Amino acid sequence: MSEEFPTPQLIDDLEEHPQHNNARVVKDLLAGTAGGIAQVLVGQPFDTTKVRLQVSSTPKTAMEVVKKLLANEGPRGFYKGTLTPLIGVGACVSLQFGVNEAMKRFFSPAQRK
């Protein structure tokens, strides 16, 4: 006996959607990458300060750590070790943003007409 199985609704929906706009996907991924890079560049000085506080053998305040870091290493000292988080977070946020935008387009009421 061969019965025809109904296809799940999601598969039917995928077949009804128009082809993806590749330019839009690239824009979304680039916007996510820019957001991730900005996130790292803004947050890295705070992270560096936090790590220096955590590894300090003597109790210090955050302001003491910042003053010592600026005096000894200058402003660039806040960004030591930034490359790895820059790449990782940039890629991660890029994917999150791209998938979020794709799902918003897929599930938007305008697509359900």
PDB file of N, CA and C in Angstrom:
ATOM      1  N   MET A   1       0.825  -1.183   0.000  1.00  0.00           N
ATOM      2  CA  MET A   1       0.000   0.000   0.000  1.00  0.00           C
ATOM      3  C   MET A   1       0.867   1.243   0.000  1.00  0.00           C
ATOM      4  N   SER A   2       0.604   2.077  -0.900  1.00  0.00           N
ATOM      5  CA  SER A   2       1.353   3.332  -0.892  1.00  0.00           C
ATOM      6  C   SER A   2       0.377   4.466  -0.642  1.00  0.00           C
ATOM      7  N   GLU A   3       0.626   5.127   0.434  1.00  0.00           N
ATOM      8  CA  GLU A   3      -0.202   6.275   0.776  1.00  0.00           C
ATOM      9  C   GLU A   3       0.604   7.538   0.541  1.00  0.00           C
ATOM     10  N   GLU A   4      -0.083   8.558   0.156  1.00  0.00           N
ATOM     11  CA  GLU A   4       0.602   9.830  -0.010  1.00  0.00           C
ATOM     12  C   GLU A   4       0.544  10.578   1.311  1.00  0.00           C
ATOM     13  N   PHE A   5       1.725  10.905   1.824  1.00  0.00           N
ATOM     14  CA  PHE A   5       1.791  11.622   3.087  1.00  0.00           C
ATOM     15  C   PHE A   5       1.704  13.118   2.829  1.00  0.00           C
ATOM     16  N   PRO A   6       0.923  13.814   3.621  1.00  0.00           N
ATOM     17  CA  PRO A   6       0.855  15.269   3.438  1.00  0.00           C
ATOM     18  C   PRO A   6       2.171  15.915   3.876  1.00  0.00           C
ATOM     19  N   THR A   7       2.554  16.949   3.176  1.00  0.00           N
ATOM     20  CA  THR A   7       3.782  17.653   3.555  1.00  0.00           C
ATOM     21  C   THR A   7       3.480  18.586   4.714  1.00  0.00           C
ATOM     22  N   PRO A   8       4.422  18.738   5.602  1.00  0.00           N
ATOM     23  CA  PRO A   8       4.210  19.670   6.716  1.00  0.00           C
ATOM     24  C   PRO A   8       3.991  21.095   6.206  1.00  0.00           C
ATOM     25  N   GLN A   9       3.269  21.869   6.979  1.00  0.00           N
ATOM     26  CA  GLN A   9       2.919  23.230   6.587  1.00  0.00           C
ATOM     27  C   GLN A   9       4.156  24.079   6.326  1.00  0.00           C
ATOM     28  N   LEU A  10       5.196  23.900   7.135  1.00  0.00           N
ATOM     29  CA  LEU A  10       6.398  24.716   6.980  1.00  0.00           C
ATOM     30  C   LEU A  10       7.035  24.494   5.612  1.00  0.00           C
ATOM     31  N   ILE A  11       7.053  23.258   5.150  1.00  0.00           N
ATOM     32  CA  ILE A  11       7.636  22.975   3.835  1.00  0.00           C
ATOM     33  C   ILE A  11       6.807  23.644   2.745  1.00  0.00           C
ATOM     34  N   ASP A  12       5.489  23.595   2.887  1.00  0.00           N
ATOM     35  CA  ASP A  12       4.637  24.288   1.918  1.00  0.00           C
ATOM     36  C   ASP A  12       4.918  25.785   1.929  1.00  0.00           C
ATOM     37  N   ASP A  13       5.096  26.345   3.128  1.00  0.00           N
ATOM     38  CA  ASP A  13       5.386  27.773   3.239  1.00  0.00           C
ATOM     39  C   ASP A  13       6.708  28.119   2.570  1.00  0.00           C
ATOM     40  N   LEU A  14       7.705  27.265   2.732  1.00  0.00           N
ATOM     41  CA  LEU A  14       9.003  27.529   2.113  1.00  0.00           C
ATOM     42  C   LEU A  14       8.889  27.560   0.596  1.00  0.00           C
ATOM     43  N   GLU A  15       8.075  26.682   0.055  1.00  0.00           N
ATOM     44  CA  GLU A  15       7.925  26.627  -1.392  1.00  0.00           C
ATOM     45  C   GLU A  15       7.189  27.847  -1.932  1.00  0.00           C
ATOM     46  N   GLU A  16       6.338  28.458  -1.115  1.00  0.00           N
ATOM     47  CA  GLU A  16       5.563  29.608  -1.560  1.00  0.00           C
ATOM     48  C   GLU A  16       6.338  30.915  -1.487  1.00  0.00           C
ATOM     49  N   HIS A  17       7.383  30.962  -0.663  1.00  0.00           N
ATOM     50  CA  HIS A  17       8.132  32.206  -0.495  1.00  0.00           C
ATOM     51  C   HIS A  17       8.966  32.499  -1.734  1.00  0.00           C
ATOM     52  N   PRO A  18       9.091  33.776  -2.065  1.00  0.00           N
ATOM     53  CA  PRO A  18       9.943  34.131  -3.202  1.00  0.00           C
ATOM     54  C   PRO A  18      11.407  33.846  -2.880  1.00  0.00           C
ATOM     55  N   GLN A  19      12.206  33.829  -3.908  1.00  0.00           N
ATOM     56  CA  GLN A  19      13.638  33.587  -3.728  1.00  0.00           C
ATOM     57  C   GLN A  19      14.240  34.660  -2.828  1.00  0.00           C
ATOM     58  N   HIS A  20      15.249  34.260  -2.077  1.00  0.00           N
ATOM     59  CA  HIS A  20      15.900  35.199  -1.176  1.00  0.00           C
ATOM     60  C   HIS A  20      16.661  36.248  -1.972  1.00  0.00           C
ATOM     61  N   ASN A  21      16.666  37.432  -1.436  1.00  0.00           N
ATOM     62  CA  ASN A  21      17.414  38.518  -2.035  1.00  0.00           C
ATOM     63  C   ASN A  21      18.819  38.489  -1.438  1.00  0.00           C
ATOM     64  N   ASN A  22      19.796  38.062  -2.230  1.00  0.00           N
ATOM     65  CA  ASN A  22      21.161  37.910  -1.723  1.00  0.00           C
ATOM     66  C   ASN A  22      21.758  39.227  -1.258  1.00  0.00           C
ATOM     67  N   ALA A  23      21.422  40.313  -1.924  1.00  0.00           N
ATOM     68  CA  ALA A  23      21.953  41.615  -1.512  1.00  0.00           C
ATOM     69  C   ALA A  23      21.458  41.964  -0.109  1.00  0.00           C
ATOM     70  N   ARG A  24      20.221  41.632   0.177  1.00  0.00           N
ATOM     71  CA  ARG A  24      19.654  41.911   1.501  1.00  0.00           C
ATOM     72  C   ARG A  24      20.361  41.078   2.570  1.00  0.00           C
ATOM     73  N   VAL A  25      20.647  39.831   2.257  1.00  0.00           N
ATOM     74  CA  VAL A  25      21.336  38.947   3.206  1.00  0.00           C
ATOM     75  C   VAL A  25      22.740  39.479   3.491  1.00  0.00           C
ATOM     76  N   VAL A  26      23.437  39.904   2.447  1.00  0.00           N
ATOM     77  CA  VAL A  26      24.787  40.452   2.631  1.00  0.00           C
ATOM     78  C   VAL A  26      24.731  41.712   3.488  1.00  0.00           C
ATOM     79  N   LYS A  27      23.746  42.574   3.232  1.00  0.00           N
ATOM     80  CA  LYS A  27      23.584  43.790   4.050  1.00  0.00           C
ATOM     81  C   LYS A  27      23.358  43.433   5.514  1.00  0.00           C
ATOM     82  N   ASP A  28      22.504  42.452   5.758  1.00  0.00           N
ATOM     83  CA  ASP A  28      22.214  42.042   7.134  1.00  0.00           C
ATOM     84  C   ASP A  28      23.466  41.499   7.822  1.00  0.00           C
ATOM     85  N   LEU A  29      24.227  40.679   7.108  1.00  0.00           N
ATOM     86  CA  LEU A  29      25.444  40.111   7.701  1.00  0.00           C
ATOM     87  C   LEU A  29      26.491  41.192   7.965  1.00  0.00           C
ATOM     88  N   LEU A  30      26.626  42.131   7.046  1.00  0.00           N
ATOM     89  CA  LEU A  30      27.586  43.219   7.256  1.00  0.00           C
ATOM     90  C   LEU A  30      27.152  44.128   8.403  1.00  0.00           C
ATOM     91  N   ALA A  31      25.857  44.374   8.508  1.00  0.00           N
ATOM     92  CA  ALA A  31      25.362  45.188   9.621  1.00  0.00           C
ATOM     93  C   ALA A  31      25.621  44.486  10.952  1.00  0.00           C
ATOM     94  N   GLY A  32      25.419  43.188  10.985  1.00  0.00           N
ATOM     95  CA  GLY A  32      25.703  42.427  12.197  1.00  0.00           C
ATOM     96  C   GLY A  32      27.178  42.439  12.549  1.00  0.00           C
ATOM     97  N   THR A  33      28.019  42.332  11.528  1.00  0.00           N
ATOM     98  CA  THR A  33      29.462  42.380  11.761  1.00  0.00           C
ATOM     99  C   THR A  33      29.870  43.733  12.329  1.00  0.00           C
ATOM    100  N   ALA A  34      29.344  44.797  11.750  1.00  0.00           N
ATOM    101  CA  ALA A  34      29.660  46.143  12.246  1.00  0.00           C
ATOM    102  C   ALA A  34      29.189  46.309  13.689  1.00  0.00           C
ATOM    103  N   GLY A  35      28.020  45.787  13.997  1.00  0.00           N
ATOM    104  CA  GLY A  35      27.517  45.860  15.367  1.00  0.00           C
ATOM    105  C   GLY A  35      28.389  45.082  16.337  1.00  0.00           C
ATOM    106  N   GLY A  36      28.834  43.908  15.926  1.00  0.00           N
ATOM    107  CA  GLY A  36      29.702  43.099  16.780  1.00  0.00           C
ATOM    108  C   GLY A  36      31.047  43.759  17.022  1.00  0.00           C
ATOM    109  N   ILE A  37      31.601  44.355  15.978  1.00  0.00           N
ATOM    110  CA  ILE A  37      32.881  45.055  16.119  1.00  0.00           C
ATOM    111  C   ILE A  37      32.725  46.251  17.052  1.00  0.00           C
ATOM    112  N   ALA A  38      31.651  47.000  16.880  1.00  0.00           N
ATOM    113  CA  ALA A  38      31.407  48.151  17.759  1.00  0.00           C
ATOM    114  C   ALA A  38      31.242  47.696  19.206  1.00  0.00           C
ATOM    115  N   GLN A  39      30.553  46.589  19.390  1.00  0.00           N
ATOM    116  CA  GLN A  39      30.349  46.044  20.738  1.00  0.00           C
ATOM    117  C   GLN A  39      31.687  45.739  21.404  1.00  0.00           C
ATOM    118  N   VAL A  40      32.591  45.118  20.668  1.00  0.00           N
ATOM    119  CA  VAL A  40      33.897  44.768  21.234  1.00  0.00           C
ATOM    120  C   VAL A  40      34.716  46.028  21.509  1.00  0.00           C
ATOM    121  N   LEU A  41      34.735  46.951  20.564  1.00  0.00           N
ATOM    122  CA  LEU A  41      35.552  48.151  20.736  1.00  0.00           C
ATOM    123  C   LEU A  41      35.078  49.012  21.902  1.00  0.00           C
ATOM    124  N   VAL A  42      33.779  49.045  22.133  1.00  0.00           N
ATOM    125  CA  VAL A  42      33.251  49.819  23.259  1.00  0.00           C
ATOM    126  C   VAL A  42      33.481  49.084  24.579  1.00  0.00           C
ATOM    127  N   GLY A  43      33.301  47.786  24.577  1.00  0.00           N
ATOM    128  CA  GLY A  43      33.366  47.026  25.820  1.00  0.00           C
ATOM    129  C   GLY A  43      34.750  46.569  26.241  1.00  0.00           C
ATOM    130  N   GLN A  44      35.707  46.556  25.326  1.00  0.00           N
ATOM    131  CA  GLN A  44      37.031  46.015  25.643  1.00  0.00           C
ATOM    132  C   GLN A  44      37.736  46.741  26.792  1.00  0.00           C
ATOM    133  N   PRO A  45      37.710  48.071  26.878  1.00  0.00           N
ATOM    134  CA  PRO A  45      38.359  48.712  28.029  1.00  0.00           C
ATOM    135  C   PRO A  45      37.769  48.265  29.373  1.00  0.00           C
ATOM    136  N   PHE A  46      36.470  48.060  29.413  1.00  0.00           N
ATOM    137  CA  PHE A  46      35.841  47.590  30.651  1.00  0.00           C
ATOM    138  C   PHE A  46      36.276  46.161  30.965  1.00  0.00           C
ATOM    139  N   ASP A  47      36.370  45.346  29.928  1.00  0.00           N
ATOM    140  CA  ASP A  47      36.789  43.957  30.121  1.00  0.00           C
ATOM    141  C   ASP A  47      38.244  43.890  30.578  1.00  0.00           C
ATOM    142  N   THR A  48      39.091  44.701  29.978  1.00  0.00           N
ATOM    143  CA  THR A  48      40.501  44.729  30.377  1.00  0.00           C
ATOM    144  C   THR A  48      40.632  45.157  31.834  1.00  0.00           C
ATOM    145  N   THR A  49      39.884  46.178  32.216  1.00  0.00           N
ATOM    146  CA  THR A  49      39.906  46.642  33.607  1.00  0.00           C
ATOM    147  C   THR A  49      39.427  45.542  34.546  1.00  0.00           C
ATOM    148  N   LYS A  50      38.369  44.862  34.175  1.00  0.00           N
ATOM    149  CA  LYS A  50      37.826  43.778  35.006  1.00  0.00           C
ATOM    150  C   LYS A  50      38.845  42.657  35.187  1.00  0.00           C
ATOM    151  N   VAL A  51      39.502  42.276  34.102  1.00  0.00           N
ATOM    152  CA  VAL A  51      40.487  41.194  34.181  1.00  0.00           C
ATOM    153  C   VAL A  51      41.673  41.613  35.041  1.00  0.00           C
ATOM    154  N   ARG A  52      42.116  42.844  34.887  1.00  0.00           N
ATOM    155  CA  ARG A  52      43.236  43.318  35.714  1.00  0.00           C
ATOM    156  C   ARG A  52      42.854  43.333  37.194  1.00  0.00           C
ATOM    157  N   LEU A  53      41.610  43.667  37.487  1.00  0.00           N
ATOM    158  CA  LEU A  53      41.142  43.619  38.877  1.00  0.00           C
ATOM    159  C   LEU A  53      41.121  42.180  39.396  1.00  0.00           C
ATOM    160  N   GLN A  54      40.710  41.257  38.554  1.00  0.00           N
ATOM    161  CA  GLN A  54      40.597  39.863  38.969  1.00  0.00           C
ATOM    162  C   GLN A  54      41.950  39.217  39.229  1.00  0.00           C
ATOM    163  N   VAL A  55      42.959  39.584  38.464  1.00  0.00           N
ATOM    164  CA  VAL A  55      44.267  38.942  38.618  1.00  0.00           C
ATOM    165  C   VAL A  55      45.187  39.701  39.568  1.00  0.00           C
ATOM    166  N   SER A  56      44.730  40.826  40.079  1.00  0.00           N
ATOM    167  CA  SER A  56      45.547  41.625  40.989  1.00  0.00           C
ATOM    168  C   SER A  56      45.717  40.899  42.319  1.00  0.00           C
ATOM    169  N   SER A  57      46.948  40.887  42.807  1.00  0.00           N
ATOM    170  CA  SER A  57      47.206  40.220  44.088  1.00  0.00           C
ATOM    171  C   SER A  57      46.860  41.118  45.274  1.00  0.00           C
ATOM    172  N   THR A  58      46.853  42.420  45.046  1.00  0.00           N
ATOM    173  CA  THR A  58      46.488  43.351  46.119  1.00  0.00           C
ATOM    174  C   THR A  58      45.146  43.981  45.795  1.00  0.00           C
ATOM    175  N   PRO A  59      44.332  44.222  46.797  1.00  0.00           N
ATOM    176  CA  PRO A  59      43.027  44.843  46.534  1.00  0.00           C
ATOM    177  C   PRO A  59      43.191  46.245  45.942  1.00  0.00           C
ATOM    178  N   LYS A  60      42.509  46.483  44.855  1.00  0.00           N
ATOM    179  CA  LYS A  60      42.551  47.783  44.186  1.00  0.00           C
ATOM    180  C   LYS A  60      41.149  48.154  43.739  1.00  0.00           C
ATOM    181  N   THR A  61      40.963  49.425  43.479  1.00  0.00           N
ATOM    182  CA  THR A  61      39.697  49.865  42.896  1.00  0.00           C
ATOM    183  C   THR A  61      39.855  49.912  41.380  1.00  0.00           C
ATOM    184  N   ALA A  62      38.740  49.997  40.699  1.00  0.00           N
ATOM    185  CA  ALA A  62      38.774  50.068  39.243  1.00  0.00           C
ATOM    186  C   ALA A  62      39.504  51.329  38.779  1.00  0.00           C
ATOM    187  N   MET A  63      39.306  52.420  39.484  1.00  0.00           N
ATOM    188  CA  MET A  63      39.973  53.673  39.098  1.00  0.00           C
ATOM    189  C   MET A  63      41.489  53.562  39.245  1.00  0.00           C
ATOM    190  N   GLU A  64      41.947  52.870  40.275  1.00  0.00           N
ATOM    191  CA  GLU A  64      43.391  52.671  40.435  1.00  0.00           C
ATOM    192  C   GLU A  64      43.953  51.858  39.271  1.00  0.00           C
ATOM    193  N   VAL A  65      43.220  50.842  38.869  1.00  0.00           N
ATOM    194  CA  VAL A  65      43.661  50.009  37.747  1.00  0.00           C
ATOM    195  C   VAL A  65      43.707  50.835  36.465  1.00  0.00           C
ATOM    196  N   VAL A  66      42.688  51.639  36.235  1.00  0.00           N
ATOM    197  CA  VAL A  66      42.635  52.465  35.024  1.00  0.00           C
ATOM    198  C   VAL A  66      43.790  53.465  35.012  1.00  0.00           C
ATOM    199  N   LYS A  67      44.027  54.134  36.131  1.00  0.00           N
ATOM    200  CA  LYS A  67      45.113  55.121  36.197  1.00  0.00           C
ATOM    201  C   LYS A  67      46.468  54.464  35.957  1.00  0.00           C
ATOM    202  N   LYS A  68      46.685  53.306  36.573  1.00  0.00           N
ATOM    203  CA  LYS A  68      47.961  52.608  36.406  1.00  0.00           C
ATOM    204  C   LYS A  68      48.127  52.134  34.963  1.00  0.00           C
ATOM    205  N   LEU A  69      47.058  51.634  34.380  1.00  0.00           N
ATOM    206  CA  LEU A  69      47.110  51.163  32.995  1.00  0.00           C
ATOM    207  C   LEU A  69      47.425  52.311  32.041  1.00  0.00           C
ATOM    208  N   LEU A  70      46.770  53.442  32.237  1.00  0.00           N
ATOM    209  CA  LEU A  70      47.036  54.601  31.381  1.00  0.00           C
ATOM    210  C   LEU A  70      48.465  55.110  31.564  1.00  0.00           C
ATOM    211  N   ALA A  71      48.941  55.126  32.797  1.00  0.00           N
ATOM    212  CA  ALA A  71      50.291  55.623  33.063  1.00  0.00           C
ATOM    213  C   ALA A  71      51.357  54.702  32.471  1.00  0.00           C
ATOM    214  N   ASN A  72      51.161  53.396  32.597  1.00  0.00           N
ATOM    215  CA  ASN A  72      52.188  52.441  32.160  1.00  0.00           C
ATOM    216  C   ASN A  72      52.099  52.061  30.684  1.00  0.00           C
ATOM    217  N   GLU A  73      50.882  51.954  30.157  1.00  0.00           N
ATOM    218  CA  GLU A  73      50.723  51.425  28.802  1.00  0.00           C
ATOM    219  C   GLU A  73      50.023  52.379  27.844  1.00  0.00           C
ATOM    220  N   GLY A  74      49.453  53.435  28.360  1.00  0.00           N
ATOM    221  CA  GLY A  74      48.738  54.373  27.505  1.00  0.00           C
ATOM    222  C   GLY A  74      47.366  53.829  27.127  1.00  0.00           C
ATOM    223  N   PRO A  75      46.621  54.589  26.339  1.00  0.00           N
ATOM    224  CA  PRO A  75      45.267  54.168  25.955  1.00  0.00           C
ATOM    225  C   PRO A  75      45.228  52.847  25.180  1.00  0.00           C
ATOM    226  N   ARG A  76      46.296  52.550  24.449  1.00  0.00           N
ATOM    227  CA  ARG A  76      46.324  51.295  23.684  1.00  0.00           C
ATOM    228  C   ARG A  76      46.352  50.072  24.594  1.00  0.00           C
ATOM    229  N   GLY A  77      46.748  50.257  25.840  1.00  0.00           N
ATOM    230  CA  GLY A  77      46.786  49.147  26.785  1.00  0.00           C
ATOM    231  C   GLY A  77      45.415  48.541  27.037  1.00  0.00           C
ATOM    232  N   PHE A  78      44.375  49.342  26.882  1.00  0.00           N
ATOM    233  CA  PHE A  78      43.014  48.835  27.075  1.00  0.00           C
ATOM    234  C   PHE A  78      42.618  47.835  25.992  1.00  0.00           C
ATOM    235  N   TYR A  79      43.304  47.891  24.866  1.00  0.00           N
ATOM    236  CA  TYR A  79      42.912  47.064  23.724  1.00  0.00           C
ATOM    237  C   TYR A  79      43.866  45.903  23.457  1.00  0.00           C
ATOM    238  N   LYS A  80      44.705  45.565  24.432  1.00  0.00           N
ATOM    239  CA  LYS A  80      45.563  44.391  24.266  1.00  0.00           C
ATOM    240  C   LYS A  80      44.684  43.147  24.217  1.00  0.00           C
ATOM    241  N   GLY A  81      44.958  42.282  23.268  1.00  0.00           N
ATOM    242  CA  GLY A  81      44.194  41.045  23.151  1.00  0.00           C
ATOM    243  C   GLY A  81      42.817  41.218  22.546  1.00  0.00           C
ATOM    244  N   THR A  82      42.629  42.261  21.778  1.00  0.00           N
ATOM    245  CA  THR A  82      41.308  42.557  21.221  1.00  0.00           C
ATOM    246  C   THR A  82      41.006  41.773  19.948  1.00  0.00           C
ATOM    247  N   LEU A  83      42.021  41.330  19.239  1.00  0.00           N
ATOM    248  CA  LEU A  83      41.798  40.715  17.927  1.00  0.00           C
ATOM    249  C   LEU A  83      40.901  39.476  18.001  1.00  0.00           C
ATOM    250  N   THR A  84      41.156  38.600  18.940  1.00  0.00           N
ATOM    251  CA  THR A  84      40.357  37.373  19.025  1.00  0.00           C
ATOM    252  C   THR A  84      38.883  37.660  19.313  1.00  0.00           C
ATOM    253  N   PRO A  85      38.555  38.465  20.333  1.00  0.00           N
ATOM    254  CA  PRO A  85      37.135  38.772  20.525  1.00  0.00           C
ATOM    255  C   PRO A  85      36.533  39.537  19.351  1.00  0.00           C
ATOM    256  N   LEU A  86      37.344  40.353  18.697  1.00  0.00           N
ATOM    257  CA  LEU A  86      36.846  41.123  17.560  1.00  0.00           C
ATOM    258  C   LEU A  86      36.363  40.192  16.455  1.00  0.00           C
ATOM    259  N   ILE A  87      37.154  39.184  16.168  1.00  0.00           N
ATOM    260  CA  ILE A  87      36.782  38.225  15.118  1.00  0.00           C
ATOM    261  C   ILE A  87      35.614  37.355  15.584  1.00  0.00           C
ATOM    262  N   GLY A  88      35.721  36.823  16.782  1.00  0.00           N
ATOM    263  CA  GLY A  88      34.686  35.909  17.279  1.00  0.00           C
ATOM    264  C   GLY A  88      33.340  36.570  17.468  1.00  0.00           C
ATOM    265  N   VAL A  89      33.326  37.693  18.145  1.00  0.00           N
ATOM    266  CA  VAL A  89      32.058  38.382  18.408  1.00  0.00           C
ATOM    267  C   VAL A  89      31.503  38.966  17.114  1.00  0.00           C
ATOM    268  N   GLY A  90      32.381  39.483  16.259  1.00  0.00           N
ATOM    269  CA  GLY A  90      31.918  40.013  14.975  1.00  0.00           C
ATOM    270  C   GLY A  90      31.201  38.949  14.158  1.00  0.00           C
ATOM    271  N   ALA A  91      31.785  37.758  14.101  1.00  0.00           N
ATOM    272  CA  ALA A  91      31.161  36.663  13.347  1.00  0.00           C
ATOM    273  C   ALA A  91      29.866  36.199  14.012  1.00  0.00           C
ATOM    274  N   CYS A  92      29.885  36.089  15.324  1.00  0.00           N
ATOM    275  CA  CYS A  92      28.704  35.606  16.053  1.00  0.00           C
ATOM    276  C   CYS A  92      27.527  36.573  15.906  1.00  0.00           C
ATOM    277  N   VAL A  93      27.779  37.842  16.116  1.00  0.00           N
ATOM    278  CA  VAL A  93      26.700  38.832  16.018  1.00  0.00           C
ATOM    279  C   VAL A  93      26.221  38.941  14.570  1.00  0.00           C
ATOM    280  N   SER A  94      27.136  38.777  13.635  1.00  0.00           N
ATOM    281  CA  SER A  94      26.757  38.793  12.226  1.00  0.00           C
ATOM    282  C   SER A  94      25.739  37.694  11.931  1.00  0.00           C
ATOM    283  N   LEU A  95      26.018  36.494  12.401  1.00  0.00           N
ATOM    284  CA  LEU A  95      25.082  35.384  12.184  1.00  0.00           C
ATOM    285  C   LEU A  95      23.767  35.604  12.924  1.00  0.00           C
ATOM    286  N   GLN A  96      23.851  36.076  14.155  1.00  0.00           N
ATOM    287  CA  GLN A  96      22.626  36.328  14.916  1.00  0.00           C
ATOM    288  C   GLN A  96      21.749  37.359  14.204  1.00  0.00           C
ATOM    289  N   PHE A  97      22.365  38.426  13.760  1.00  0.00           N
ATOM    290  CA  PHE A  97      21.621  39.490  13.086  1.00  0.00           C
ATOM    291  C   PHE A  97      21.037  38.988  11.769  1.00  0.00           C
ATOM    292  N   GLY A  98      21.851  38.266  11.005  1.00  0.00           N
ATOM    293  CA  GLY A  98      21.381  37.749   9.721  1.00  0.00           C
ATOM    294  C   GLY A  98      20.217  36.789   9.867  1.00  0.00           C
ATOM    295  N   VAL A  99      20.312  35.868  10.815  1.00  0.00           N
ATOM    296  CA  VAL A  99      19.233  34.902  11.035  1.00  0.00           C
ATOM    297  C   VAL A  99      17.989  35.607  11.576  1.00  0.00           C
ATOM    298  N   ASN A 100      18.180  36.548  12.488  1.00  0.00           N
ATOM    299  CA  ASN A 100      17.043  37.282  13.042  1.00  0.00           C
ATOM    300  C   ASN A 100      16.280  38.016  11.937  1.00  0.00           C
ATOM    301  N   GLU A 101      17.001  38.703  11.077  1.00  0.00           N
ATOM    302  CA  GLU A 101      16.342  39.438   9.993  1.00  0.00           C
ATOM    303  C   GLU A 101      15.667  38.492   9.001  1.00  0.00           C
ATOM    304  N   ALA A 102      16.306  37.367   8.717  1.00  0.00           N
ATOM    305  CA  ALA A 102      15.703  36.394   7.801  1.00  0.00           C
ATOM    306  C   ALA A 102      14.416  35.824   8.392  1.00  0.00           C
ATOM    307  N   MET A 103      14.427  35.536   9.681  1.00  0.00           N
ATOM    308  CA  MET A 103      13.222  34.997  10.324  1.00  0.00           C
ATOM    309  C   MET A 103      12.118  36.052  10.402  1.00  0.00           C
ATOM    310  N   LYS A 104      12.491  37.302  10.621  1.00  0.00           N
ATOM    311  CA  LYS A 104      11.483  38.367  10.626  1.00  0.00           C
ATOM    312  C   LYS A 104      10.822  38.477   9.256  1.00  0.00           C
ATOM    313  N   ARG A 105      11.626  38.377   8.208  1.00  0.00           N
ATOM    314  CA  ARG A 105      11.046  38.441   6.859  1.00  0.00           C
ATOM    315  C   ARG A 105      10.188  37.206   6.582  1.00  0.00           C
ATOM    316  N   PHE A 106      10.659  36.051   7.026  1.00  0.00           N
ATOM    317  CA  PHE A 106       9.937  34.805   6.755  1.00  0.00           C
ATOM    318  C   PHE A 106       8.581  34.777   7.456  1.00  0.00           C
ATOM    319  N   PHE A 107       8.549  35.221   8.706  1.00  0.00           N
ATOM    320  CA  PHE A 107       7.325  35.133   9.489  1.00  0.00           C
ATOM    321  C   PHE A 107       6.500  36.418   9.489  1.00  0.00           C
ATOM    322  N   SER A 108       6.875  37.392   8.687  1.00  0.00           N
ATOM    323  CA  SER A 108       6.127  38.650   8.687  1.00  0.00           C
ATOM    324  C   SER A 108       4.739  38.440   8.080  1.00  0.00           C
ATOM    325  N   PRO A 109       3.755  39.184   8.568  1.00  0.00           N
ATOM    326  CA  PRO A 109       2.391  39.049   8.034  1.00  0.00           C
ATOM    327  C   PRO A 109       2.304  39.358   6.540  1.00  0.00           C
ATOM    328  N   ALA A 110       3.182  40.198   6.033  1.00  0.00           N
ATOM    329  CA  ALA A 110       3.148  40.536   4.605  1.00  0.00           C
ATOM    330  C   ALA A 110       3.428  39.307   3.745  1.00  0.00           C
ATOM    331  N   GLN A 111       4.194  38.356   4.271  1.00  0.00           N
ATOM    332  CA  GLN A 111       4.505  37.137   3.523  1.00  0.00           C
ATOM    333  C   GLN A 111       3.341  36.151   3.533  1.00  0.00           C
ATOM    334  N   ARG A 112       2.381  36.339   4.409  1.00  0.00           N
ATOM    335  CA  ARG A 112       1.286  35.374   4.582  1.00  0.00           C
ATOM    336  C   ARG A 112       0.091  35.643   3.678  1.00  0.00           C
ATOM    337  N   LYS A 113       0.177  36.600   2.802  1.00  0.00           N
ATOM    338  CA  LYS A 113      -0.968  36.940   1.939  1.00  0.00           C
ATOM    339  C   LYS A 113      -1.272  35.859   0.947  1.00  0.00           C
TER     340      LYS A 113
END
